[in-house]
Amino acid sequence: MAGRGLNSQGRRWHRQLDNVSGALLLFLVVFAPWGAGGTLFWSSWVLISTGWALGLLWVAKWVVCRWTGFQPVVWRRDGSVARWPVWGLGVLTSLVLIQVAVSLWNARAEVNWGTQGLEFLYRDSISWLPTTYDLAATRKAFFRYLAFAALFWAMRDWLRIKSRSERHRDEDGRAAEDVGRIPDRLRWLGWTLSVNAALMAMVGILHRFDGDRELLWMLPIRGAANPTMFGSFPYRGNAAQYLNLIWPLTVALWLGLRMETLGDLSRTVRKGGSAHPLLLLCVGLMLLGVFVAGSRGGIAVALVQVVLISVLLARSMRDWKPRAALAGAFVVALGLAWVFAGRQLSQRFEKSLVDETLGGRTTIYAVARRMAADFPVWGSGAETFLSLNGLYRENDGKEWYGYVHDDWLETRVTLGWVGFLIVLSLLILVPVSGRTSGGMQPGGGFVAAVGVGMLGMLGHAWGDFPFQIPSVHLTFMIFAALACLLGWSGGTQEEGSRNSA
């Protein structure tokens, strides 16, 4: 009796903690882009502190389960074989944090920014250990990495737990009929991401044509102007990257919900009574936003993603109606983009054809490669490029760059080959984890859509700096947590057959 009471108490405590975690996670999803992409002091600390709170809640839930013996109902419990990629993710995440923490303890220099420039205050350090040449910048990076690691594990834990209605479906035997049904928590996350991103795109379009010079009509950003900012992001490229990450997921959510409605997987829905067609409007707004933003890299990635999504999801669309609806959303968005921003886009791409410096990027790349050669093993320290690259200028008149505009190369500069290989291994283990232990198998081609969004972001990282922007980095971590739970085989084919019958 005592054990049963303790288990019941654990269930109550766990659900209370889980509800708070879910609320904070959805708050982060909504808030992330609106504080200038997390680039302002106050908005970055909102993201960081909320990530820490989520980590504490995740640990508290684990303690409750260990102490009371309560085990929440999840989509799938990992067996011995499926568990090793998850352990690998945990170990590699810890190694990144340990490398950055050791570099803080073994810091080579502090940087003082003054009116005359910057001054390096050197300290004694151990040469063969990781180090940093900007203690303050690496400390801030460590705080962010720790918060986003906590966010990843908290999001993964929250998504894999079944909702109350899903537990009831298990108990009364209806779960067997739900092949391909979108899990409730994935549904909540998908709607929140989609509507929030579409709203940001709409605000960006309105702001662009209004011509106001302040971000969101209220935030003056030094060095930013209307053509170079978009939505809630000071730099239009980051806005396009954020939208390109999310809109493929919105397509999959639309298709999955449409399958549910036609197949009556969960309830009888009268014609026109489902809200899923609104998701196509969100897709159109996001694509339109990418083009109006005028980011050349964003447009190139979006066009490739349109082709990939059309091909990969074709097998899930056995009827002509969903194909026509999706094609219509793409065509309308692209047509409006040409009407609203065709002249601007033509000028930007014509300029790129004669610009051999790639907008000054070739100079930055040359500097970054010299830095990477000087710090090959451990790097110069997390997020130290801004302070260090000024020392590599040929003369004082040269521009002082804040980012490499190539996150792959910047990772080599700041974390060295050791950190770069750890990060690359983490990226590889994410889909492996989904392949071996992904318990959620929704219809609508979610695996393909999440993969297209994440690959698009990694493509952006070759010519820009999405992972240096906290909100974009955070949203990618949310997608990585989701990808770890999505099984590679699902009920897509069966659903398509049933819906077309």
Protein backbone atom coordinates (compact mmCIF):
# COMPACT_ATOMS: atom_id res chain seq x y z
CA MET A 1 0.00 0.00 0.00
CA ALA A 2 2.83 2.37 0.86
CA GLY A 3 4.47 1.70 -2.49
CA ARG A 4 1.21 2.32 -4.34
CA GLY A 5 0.71 5.60 -2.48
CA LEU A 6 4.25 6.72 -3.27
CA ASN A 7 3.71 5.89 -6.93
CA SER A 8 0.48 7.89 -6.96
CA GLN A 9 2.23 10.83 -5.31
CA GLY A 10 5.02 10.59 -7.88
CA ARG A 11 2.46 10.68 -10.69
CA ARG A 12 0.95 13.87 -9.30
CA TRP A 13 4.32 15.58 -8.79
CA HIS A 14 5.59 14.50 -12.19
CA ARG A 15 2.54 15.81 -14.01
CA GLN A 16 2.74 19.15 -12.24
CA LEU A 17 6.40 19.51 -13.19
CA ASP A 18 5.63 18.33 -16.72
CA ASN A 19 2.87 20.91 -17.13
CA VAL A 20 5.22 23.71 -16.09
CA SER A 21 7.87 22.38 -18.50
CA GLY A 22 5.38 22.35 -21.37
CA ALA A 23 4.28 25.91 -20.64
CA LEU A 24 7.89 27.16 -20.54
CA LEU A 25 8.82 25.29 -23.73
CA LEU A 26 5.91 26.77 -25.69
CA PHE A 27 6.71 30.19 -24.22
CA LEU A 28 10.28 29.89 -25.54
CA VAL A 29 9.00 28.87 -28.98
CA VAL A 30 6.85 32.00 -29.13
CA PHE A 31 9.29 34.42 -27.53
CA ALA A 32 12.49 33.30 -29.29
CA PRO A 33 12.30 35.42 -32.47
CA TRP A 34 10.61 38.51 -31.07
CA GLY A 35 13.40 39.96 -28.93
CA ALA A 36 15.49 40.90 -31.99
CA GLY A 37 16.23 37.21 -32.45
CA GLY A 38 17.72 37.00 -28.96
CA THR A 39 20.56 39.35 -29.90
CA LEU A 40 19.73 42.01 -27.31
CA PHE A 41 21.11 41.70 -23.78
CA TRP A 42 17.74 41.28 -22.09
CA SER A 43 16.26 38.93 -24.70
CA SER A 44 19.32 36.66 -24.72
CA TRP A 45 19.13 36.33 -20.96
CA VAL A 46 15.42 35.48 -21.13
CA LEU A 47 16.34 32.57 -23.42
CA ILE A 48 19.26 31.49 -21.26
CA SER A 49 17.47 31.70 -17.90
CA THR A 50 14.40 29.89 -19.25
CA GLY A 51 16.66 27.14 -20.61
CA TRP A 52 18.25 26.73 -17.19
CA ALA A 53 14.81 26.54 -15.57
CA LEU A 54 13.81 23.82 -18.04
CA GLY A 55 16.96 21.89 -17.17
CA LEU A 56 16.14 22.03 -13.47
CA LEU A 57 12.57 20.87 -14.15
CA TRP A 58 13.89 17.98 -16.27
CA VAL A 59 16.23 16.90 -13.46
CA ALA A 60 13.39 17.24 -10.94
CA LYS A 61 11.17 14.97 -13.05
CA TRP A 62 13.95 12.39 -13.23
CA VAL A 63 14.43 12.52 -9.45
CA VAL A 64 10.70 12.04 -8.87
CA CYS A 65 10.66 8.99 -11.14
CA ARG A 66 13.71 7.45 -9.46
CA TRP A 67 12.46 8.11 -5.94
CA THR A 68 8.80 7.13 -6.32
CA GLY A 69 9.10 4.46 -9.01
CA PHE A 70 6.58 6.26 -11.21
CA GLN A 71 7.12 5.88 -14.96
CA PRO A 72 5.20 8.17 -17.32
CA VAL A 73 3.52 6.68 -20.37
CA VAL A 74 5.75 7.46 -23.34
CA TRP A 75 5.66 6.70 -27.02
CA ARG A 76 8.47 4.20 -26.78
CA ARG A 77 10.93 3.02 -24.17
CA ASP A 78 14.42 2.45 -25.50
CA GLY A 79 15.81 -1.05 -25.44
CA SER A 80 19.49 -1.84 -24.95
CA VAL A 81 20.31 -1.44 -28.65
CA ALA A 82 18.26 1.71 -29.16
CA ARG A 83 19.67 3.37 -26.06
CA TRP A 84 23.27 3.80 -27.26
CA PRO A 85 22.63 6.75 -29.63
CA VAL A 86 20.83 8.57 -26.80
CA TRP A 87 23.75 7.91 -24.47
CA GLY A 88 26.07 9.07 -27.25
CA LEU A 89 24.18 12.34 -27.54
CA GLY A 90 24.49 12.82 -23.79
CA VAL A 91 28.20 12.06 -23.71
CA LEU A 92 29.04 14.29 -26.70
CA THR A 93 26.94 17.15 -25.32
CA SER A 94 28.86 16.86 -22.06
CA LEU A 95 32.18 16.87 -23.93
CA VAL A 96 31.35 20.16 -25.68
CA LEU A 97 30.39 21.74 -22.36
CA ILE A 98 33.51 20.34 -20.67
CA GLN A 99 35.76 21.73 -23.42
CA VAL A 100 34.26 25.20 -23.06
CA ALA A 101 34.35 25.01 -19.23
CA VAL A 102 38.02 23.99 -19.24
CA SER A 103 38.83 26.85 -21.62
CA LEU A 104 37.23 29.24 -19.11
CA TRP A 105 39.26 27.83 -16.23
CA ASN A 106 42.40 27.91 -18.41
CA ALA A 107 41.69 31.28 -20.03
CA ARG A 108 44.65 32.82 -21.84
CA ALA A 109 43.36 36.38 -21.91
CA GLU A 110 40.63 38.81 -20.96
CA VAL A 111 39.57 41.58 -23.33
CA ASN A 112 38.83 45.14 -22.31
CA TRP A 113 36.86 47.13 -24.87
CA GLY A 114 37.62 50.83 -24.61
CA THR A 115 37.36 54.03 -26.60
CA GLN A 116 40.79 53.39 -28.12
CA GLY A 117 39.98 49.83 -29.20
CA LEU A 118 40.51 46.66 -27.25
CA GLU A 119 43.23 45.56 -24.84
CA PHE A 120 44.24 41.95 -24.17
CA LEU A 121 45.14 41.18 -20.55
CA TYR A 122 47.12 37.98 -20.74
CA ARG A 123 47.18 35.33 -18.01
CA ASP A 124 49.14 32.17 -17.32
CA SER A 125 47.60 29.10 -18.94
CA ILE A 126 48.43 25.48 -19.70
CA SER A 127 49.37 25.26 -23.38
CA TRP A 128 48.02 21.77 -24.08
CA LEU A 129 44.57 22.35 -22.61
CA PRO A 130 41.62 24.20 -24.21
CA THR A 131 41.83 27.93 -23.65
CA THR A 132 40.12 31.15 -24.64
CA TYR A 133 41.41 34.57 -25.65
CA ASP A 134 38.23 36.35 -24.57
CA LEU A 135 37.07 35.22 -21.15
CA ALA A 136 33.83 37.24 -21.12
CA ALA A 137 32.70 36.11 -24.58
CA THR A 138 33.38 32.44 -23.83
CA ARG A 139 31.63 32.71 -20.46
CA LYS A 140 28.50 34.01 -22.20
CA ALA A 141 28.82 31.22 -24.79
CA PHE A 142 29.06 28.60 -22.03
CA PHE A 143 25.91 29.96 -20.38
CA ARG A 144 24.07 29.74 -23.71
CA TYR A 145 25.36 26.28 -24.60
CA LEU A 146 24.37 24.97 -21.18
CA ALA A 147 20.88 26.48 -21.47
CA PHE A 148 20.32 25.13 -24.97
CA ALA A 149 21.57 21.67 -24.00
CA ALA A 150 19.05 21.70 -21.14
CA LEU A 151 16.36 22.85 -23.57
CA PHE A 152 17.16 19.96 -25.94
CA TRP A 153 16.78 17.29 -23.26
CA ALA A 154 13.73 18.96 -21.70
CA MET A 155 12.01 19.19 -25.10
CA ARG A 156 12.83 15.58 -25.94
CA ASP A 157 11.49 14.42 -22.59
CA TRP A 158 8.30 16.49 -22.88
CA LEU A 159 7.50 15.42 -26.46
CA ARG A 160 7.90 11.69 -25.78
CA ILE A 161 5.31 11.68 -22.95
CA LYS A 162 1.75 10.91 -24.01
CA SER A 163 -1.02 13.39 -23.27
CA ARG A 164 -3.98 12.52 -21.03
CA SER A 165 -6.26 11.82 -24.01
CA GLU A 166 -3.63 9.54 -25.56
CA ARG A 167 -3.29 7.61 -22.31
CA HIS A 168 -7.06 7.15 -22.29
CA ARG A 169 -6.93 5.89 -25.87
CA ASP A 170 -4.35 3.33 -24.79
CA GLU A 171 -6.56 2.19 -21.92
CA ASP A 172 -9.74 1.69 -23.95
CA GLY A 173 -7.99 0.08 -26.93
CA ARG A 174 -8.44 2.87 -29.48
CA ALA A 175 -4.68 3.44 -29.85
CA ALA A 176 -4.43 0.52 -32.28
CA GLU A 177 -6.63 2.47 -34.71
CA ASP A 178 -4.39 5.54 -34.60
CA VAL A 179 -1.70 4.49 -37.06
CA GLY A 180 -0.11 7.69 -38.31
CA ARG A 181 -2.04 9.96 -35.96
CA ILE A 182 -0.09 13.10 -35.02
CA PRO A 183 0.73 13.03 -31.29
CA ASP A 184 -0.96 15.78 -29.31
CA ARG A 185 2.21 17.42 -28.09
CA LEU A 186 3.72 17.42 -31.58
CA ARG A 187 0.48 18.98 -32.79
CA TRP A 188 0.71 21.76 -30.15
CA LEU A 189 4.35 22.40 -30.98
CA GLY A 190 3.73 22.44 -34.73
CA TRP A 191 0.83 24.89 -34.53
CA THR A 192 2.77 27.18 -32.20
CA LEU A 193 5.84 27.23 -34.45
CA SER A 194 3.79 27.71 -37.62
CA VAL A 195 1.49 30.50 -36.46
CA ASN A 196 4.31 32.34 -34.69
CA ALA A 197 6.59 32.21 -37.75
CA ALA A 198 3.78 33.24 -40.10
CA LEU A 199 2.98 36.20 -37.85
CA MET A 200 6.66 37.21 -37.84
CA ALA A 201 6.72 37.01 -41.65
CA MET A 202 3.58 39.13 -41.94
CA VAL A 203 5.01 41.76 -39.58
CA GLY A 204 8.24 41.77 -41.59
CA ILE A 205 6.39 42.31 -44.87
CA LEU A 206 4.37 45.18 -43.42
CA HIS A 207 7.45 46.75 -41.86
CA ARG A 208 9.43 46.48 -45.10
CA PHE A 209 6.83 48.36 -47.11
CA ASP A 210 6.19 50.87 -44.32
CA GLY A 211 9.86 51.86 -44.48
CA ASP A 212 10.28 52.51 -40.75
CA ARG A 213 13.93 52.45 -39.67
CA GLU A 214 13.38 50.97 -36.19
CA LEU A 215 13.01 47.24 -35.67
CA LEU A 216 9.35 46.40 -35.00
CA TRP A 217 8.68 50.14 -35.11
CA MET A 218 10.12 50.50 -31.59
CA LEU A 219 13.68 49.12 -31.28
CA PRO A 220 16.50 51.28 -32.68
CA ILE A 221 19.32 48.95 -33.79
CA ARG A 222 22.71 50.53 -34.41
CA GLY A 223 23.94 49.99 -37.94
CA ALA A 224 20.68 48.43 -39.15
CA ALA A 225 18.35 49.92 -41.76
CA ASN A 226 14.99 48.88 -43.17
CA PRO A 227 16.35 46.98 -46.21
CA THR A 228 18.81 44.99 -44.10
CA MET A 229 16.39 43.96 -41.33
CA PHE A 230 13.24 41.87 -41.56
CA GLY A 231 10.50 41.04 -39.13
CA SER A 232 11.95 40.84 -35.64
CA PHE A 233 15.51 40.15 -36.85
CA PRO A 234 18.13 42.91 -37.30
CA TYR A 235 19.61 40.94 -40.23
CA ARG A 236 17.31 39.74 -43.01
CA GLY A 237 19.37 36.61 -43.62
CA ASN A 238 18.64 35.32 -40.13
CA ALA A 239 14.91 35.92 -40.62
CA ALA A 240 14.98 33.89 -43.85
CA GLN A 241 16.89 31.10 -42.10
CA TYR A 242 14.32 30.97 -39.31
CA LEU A 243 11.42 30.77 -41.78
CA ASN A 244 13.14 28.15 -43.95
CA LEU A 245 13.58 25.95 -40.90
CA ILE A 246 9.89 26.02 -39.98
CA TRP A 247 7.78 26.08 -43.15
CA PRO A 248 8.59 22.47 -44.25
CA LEU A 249 7.32 21.27 -40.84
CA THR A 250 4.14 23.31 -41.40
CA VAL A 251 3.58 21.50 -44.71
CA ALA A 252 3.89 18.13 -42.96
CA LEU A 253 1.54 19.22 -40.18
CA TRP A 254 -1.03 20.32 -42.77
CA LEU A 255 -0.78 17.04 -44.65
CA GLY A 256 -0.94 14.93 -41.48
CA LEU A 257 -4.00 16.76 -40.16
CA ARG A 258 -5.67 16.48 -43.55
CA MET A 259 -5.12 12.70 -43.49
CA GLU A 260 -6.65 12.51 -40.04
CA THR A 261 -9.69 14.50 -41.12
CA LEU A 262 -10.33 12.43 -44.25
CA GLY A 263 -9.61 9.13 -42.52
CA ASP A 264 -11.60 10.09 -39.39
CA LEU A 265 -8.76 8.77 -37.26
CA SER A 266 -9.73 10.66 -34.13
CA ARG A 267 -13.27 11.99 -34.48
CA THR A 268 -15.95 12.83 -36.98
CA VAL A 269 -15.25 16.28 -38.42
CA ARG A 270 -17.80 18.09 -40.54
CA LYS A 271 -16.58 19.42 -43.87
CA GLY A 272 -14.91 22.77 -43.35
CA GLY A 273 -14.77 22.24 -39.59
CA SER A 274 -11.03 21.57 -39.37
CA ALA A 275 -8.50 24.38 -39.07
CA HIS A 276 -5.70 22.62 -40.97
CA PRO A 277 -6.20 24.59 -44.27
CA LEU A 278 -4.98 27.67 -42.36
CA LEU A 279 -1.56 26.03 -42.28
CA LEU A 280 -1.24 26.49 -46.05
CA LEU A 281 -1.77 30.21 -45.46
CA CYS A 282 1.07 30.07 -42.93
CA VAL A 283 3.29 28.32 -45.50
CA GLY A 284 2.49 30.98 -48.09
CA LEU A 285 3.24 33.82 -45.66
CA MET A 286 6.56 32.28 -44.64
CA LEU A 287 7.70 31.73 -48.23
CA LEU A 288 6.57 35.21 -49.17
CA GLY A 289 8.52 36.55 -46.19
CA VAL A 290 11.70 34.80 -47.34
CA PHE A 291 11.49 36.48 -50.75
CA VAL A 292 10.47 39.92 -49.49
CA ALA A 293 13.33 39.80 -46.98
CA GLY A 294 15.66 39.75 -50.00
CA SER A 295 18.22 37.31 -48.61
CA ARG A 296 19.91 35.67 -51.58
CA GLY A 297 20.94 32.63 -49.57
CA GLY A 298 17.47 32.38 -48.09
CA ILE A 299 15.82 32.43 -51.51
CA ALA A 300 18.22 29.81 -52.91
CA VAL A 301 17.64 27.46 -49.98
CA ALA A 302 13.86 28.01 -50.10
CA LEU A 303 13.71 27.07 -53.79
CA VAL A 304 15.70 23.89 -53.19
CA GLN A 305 13.43 23.06 -50.24
CA VAL A 306 10.30 23.56 -52.36
CA VAL A 307 11.59 20.97 -54.84
CA LEU A 308 12.63 18.52 -52.11
CA ILE A 309 9.35 18.82 -50.21
CA SER A 310 7.36 18.34 -53.41
CA VAL A 311 9.29 15.18 -54.27
CA LEU A 312 9.59 13.64 -50.80
CA LEU A 313 5.94 14.16 -49.84
CA ALA A 314 4.52 13.11 -53.21
CA ARG A 315 4.04 9.53 -52.01
CA SER A 316 1.90 10.78 -49.13
CA MET A 317 -0.42 12.62 -51.52
CA ARG A 318 -2.23 9.91 -53.45
CA ASP A 319 -5.08 12.22 -54.40
CA TRP A 320 -4.70 15.21 -56.72
CA LYS A 321 -6.40 17.59 -54.29
CA PRO A 322 -3.58 17.88 -51.70
CA ARG A 323 -1.01 18.16 -54.48
CA ALA A 324 -2.99 20.96 -56.09
CA ALA A 325 -3.45 22.73 -52.74
CA LEU A 326 0.26 22.59 -51.91
CA ALA A 327 1.28 23.60 -55.43
CA GLY A 328 -1.20 26.47 -55.25
CA ALA A 329 0.32 27.71 -51.98
CA PHE A 330 3.79 27.63 -53.54
CA VAL A 331 2.73 29.35 -56.76
CA VAL A 332 0.74 32.09 -55.01
CA ALA A 333 3.59 32.79 -52.59
CA LEU A 334 6.19 32.95 -55.37
CA GLY A 335 3.94 35.06 -57.57
CA LEU A 336 3.25 37.58 -54.81
CA ALA A 337 6.95 37.65 -53.99
CA TRP A 338 7.76 38.64 -57.56
CA VAL A 339 5.05 41.31 -57.55
CA PHE A 340 6.16 42.83 -54.24
CA ALA A 341 9.93 42.39 -54.43
CA GLY A 342 10.81 41.43 -58.00
CA ARG A 343 12.74 44.61 -58.80
CA GLN A 344 14.72 44.48 -55.56
CA LEU A 345 15.55 40.81 -56.05
CA SER A 346 16.67 41.39 -59.65
CA GLN A 347 19.04 44.13 -58.51
CA ARG A 348 20.46 42.02 -55.69
CA PHE A 349 21.12 38.97 -57.88
CA GLU A 350 22.55 41.06 -60.71
CA LYS A 351 24.96 42.62 -58.24
CA SER A 352 25.99 39.20 -56.97
CA LEU A 353 26.94 38.12 -60.50
CA VAL A 354 29.64 40.79 -60.71
CA ASP A 355 30.69 40.75 -57.04
CA GLU A 356 33.69 38.41 -56.87
CA THR A 357 34.15 39.11 -53.15
CA LEU A 358 30.73 37.65 -52.23
CA GLY A 359 29.84 40.81 -50.38
CA GLY A 360 33.22 40.93 -48.63
CA ARG A 361 33.00 37.33 -47.47
CA THR A 362 36.14 36.19 -49.29
CA THR A 363 38.20 38.54 -47.13
CA ILE A 364 36.56 37.22 -43.97
CA TYR A 365 37.16 33.63 -45.05
CA ALA A 366 40.84 34.30 -45.64
CA VAL A 367 41.20 35.82 -42.16
CA ALA A 368 39.26 32.96 -40.58
CA ARG A 369 41.42 30.31 -42.26
CA ARG A 370 44.55 32.00 -40.91
CA MET A 371 43.01 31.97 -37.45
CA ALA A 372 42.01 28.31 -37.77
CA ALA A 373 45.61 27.46 -38.74
CA ASP A 374 46.89 29.28 -35.64
CA PHE A 375 44.50 27.42 -33.28
CA PRO A 376 44.09 24.01 -34.94
CA VAL A 377 43.33 21.63 -32.04
CA TRP A 378 41.23 23.38 -29.41
CA GLY A 379 40.44 26.64 -31.19
CA SER A 380 40.70 30.18 -29.86
CA GLY A 381 37.74 29.81 -27.49
CA ALA A 382 33.98 29.79 -27.98
CA GLU A 383 32.68 32.99 -29.63
CA THR A 384 36.06 34.74 -29.67
CA PHE A 385 36.08 35.55 -33.39
CA LEU A 386 34.70 39.07 -32.88
CA SER A 387 37.50 40.13 -30.54
CA LEU A 388 40.37 38.25 -32.19
CA ASN A 389 39.82 38.85 -35.90
CA GLY A 390 40.71 42.53 -35.56
CA LEU A 391 44.29 41.48 -34.82
CA TYR A 392 44.50 39.86 -38.26
CA ARG A 393 43.65 43.03 -40.19
CA GLU A 394 46.30 44.26 -42.59
CA ASN A 395 45.79 47.86 -41.43
CA ASP A 396 43.56 49.83 -39.08
CA GLY A 397 41.36 50.98 -41.95
CA LYS A 398 40.17 47.48 -42.67
CA GLU A 399 36.67 46.53 -41.52
CA TRP A 400 36.33 44.70 -38.20
CA TYR A 401 34.07 41.67 -38.77
CA GLY A 402 31.70 40.25 -36.18
CA TYR A 403 30.99 36.88 -37.83
CA VAL A 404 32.73 34.58 -40.32
CA HIS A 405 29.53 34.20 -42.40
CA ASP A 406 30.35 30.48 -42.40
CA ASP A 407 29.42 28.74 -39.16
CA TRP A 408 31.28 25.57 -40.14
CA LEU A 409 34.50 27.55 -40.48
CA GLU A 410 33.79 29.63 -37.37
CA THR A 411 33.37 26.41 -35.37
CA ARG A 412 36.83 25.32 -36.51
CA VAL A 413 38.26 28.71 -35.52
CA THR A 414 36.70 28.87 -32.06
CA LEU A 415 36.45 25.19 -31.04
CA GLY A 416 39.23 23.68 -33.17
CA TRP A 417 39.14 20.33 -34.88
CA VAL A 418 38.25 18.58 -31.62
CA GLY A 419 35.14 20.66 -31.03
CA PHE A 420 34.23 20.60 -34.72
CA LEU A 421 34.30 16.78 -34.82
CA ILE A 422 32.21 16.57 -31.64
CA VAL A 423 29.58 18.89 -33.11
CA LEU A 424 29.60 16.93 -36.39
CA SER A 425 29.14 13.67 -34.44
CA LEU A 426 26.18 15.19 -32.60
CA LEU A 427 24.54 16.12 -35.89
CA ILE A 428 25.01 12.56 -37.18
CA LEU A 429 23.63 10.95 -34.02
CA VAL A 430 20.37 12.92 -34.15
CA PRO A 431 18.87 10.99 -37.12
CA VAL A 432 20.49 7.77 -35.89
CA SER A 433 18.64 8.19 -32.60
CA GLY A 434 15.38 8.67 -34.47
CA ARG A 435 16.08 5.58 -36.57
CA THR A 436 16.72 3.33 -33.59
CA SER A 437 14.40 4.67 -30.91
CA GLY A 438 11.93 7.01 -32.59
CA GLY A 439 8.60 6.09 -31.05
CA MET A 440 6.48 8.74 -32.77
CA GLN A 441 5.48 7.88 -36.33
CA PRO A 442 2.99 10.50 -37.48
CA GLY A 443 1.64 10.65 -41.00
CA GLY A 444 2.28 13.48 -43.39
CA GLY A 445 5.99 12.87 -43.96
CA PHE A 446 7.23 14.49 -40.76
CA VAL A 447 10.65 12.85 -40.97
CA ALA A 448 11.20 14.21 -44.48
CA ALA A 449 9.92 17.67 -43.55
CA VAL A 450 12.02 18.00 -40.39
CA GLY A 451 15.03 16.71 -42.31
CA VAL A 452 14.54 19.23 -45.13
CA GLY A 453 14.24 22.08 -42.63
CA MET A 454 17.34 21.06 -40.69
CA LEU A 455 19.40 20.41 -43.84
CA GLY A 456 18.37 23.83 -45.10
CA MET A 457 19.70 25.37 -41.90
CA LEU A 458 22.99 23.48 -42.21
CA GLY A 459 23.21 24.73 -45.79
CA HIS A 460 22.65 28.29 -44.59
CA ALA A 461 25.54 27.76 -42.16
CA TRP A 462 27.97 27.44 -45.09
CA GLY A 463 27.40 31.01 -46.21
CA ASP A 464 26.05 32.80 -43.14
CA PHE A 465 25.85 32.70 -39.35
CA PRO A 466 22.49 31.21 -38.21
CA PHE A 467 24.01 29.45 -35.18
CA GLN A 468 25.43 32.69 -33.83
CA ILE A 469 21.89 34.04 -33.43
CA PRO A 470 20.37 32.68 -30.18
CA SER A 471 16.76 32.37 -31.38
CA VAL A 472 17.70 30.55 -34.60
CA HIS A 473 20.11 28.29 -32.71
CA LEU A 474 17.41 27.55 -30.10
CA THR A 475 14.80 26.70 -32.73
CA PHE A 476 17.23 24.32 -34.43
CA MET A 477 17.75 22.57 -31.08
CA ILE A 478 13.97 22.13 -30.80
CA PHE A 479 13.95 20.50 -34.23
CA ALA A 480 16.87 18.26 -33.23
CA ALA A 481 14.96 17.09 -30.14
CA LEU A 482 11.96 16.30 -32.34
CA ALA A 483 14.10 14.49 -34.91
CA CYS A 484 15.40 12.18 -32.16
CA LEU A 485 11.84 10.94 -31.56
CA LEU A 486 10.54 10.54 -35.11
CA GLY A 487 10.72 6.99 -36.40
CA TRP A 488 11.81 6.59 -40.01
CA SER A 489 8.94 4.27 -40.87
CA GLY A 490 5.38 5.20 -40.22
CA GLY A 491 1.84 4.74 -41.36
CA THR A 492 2.13 7.11 -44.28
CA GLN A 493 1.55 4.54 -46.98
CA GLU A 494 -1.33 2.90 -45.14
CA GLU A 495 -2.94 6.25 -44.43
CA GLY A 496 -2.65 7.27 -48.03
CA SER A 497 -4.34 4.06 -49.11
CA ARG A 498 -7.14 4.42 -46.60
CA ASN A 499 -7.77 8.08 -47.41
CA SER A 500 -7.95 7.44 -51.11
CA ALA A 501 -10.27 4.48 -50.71
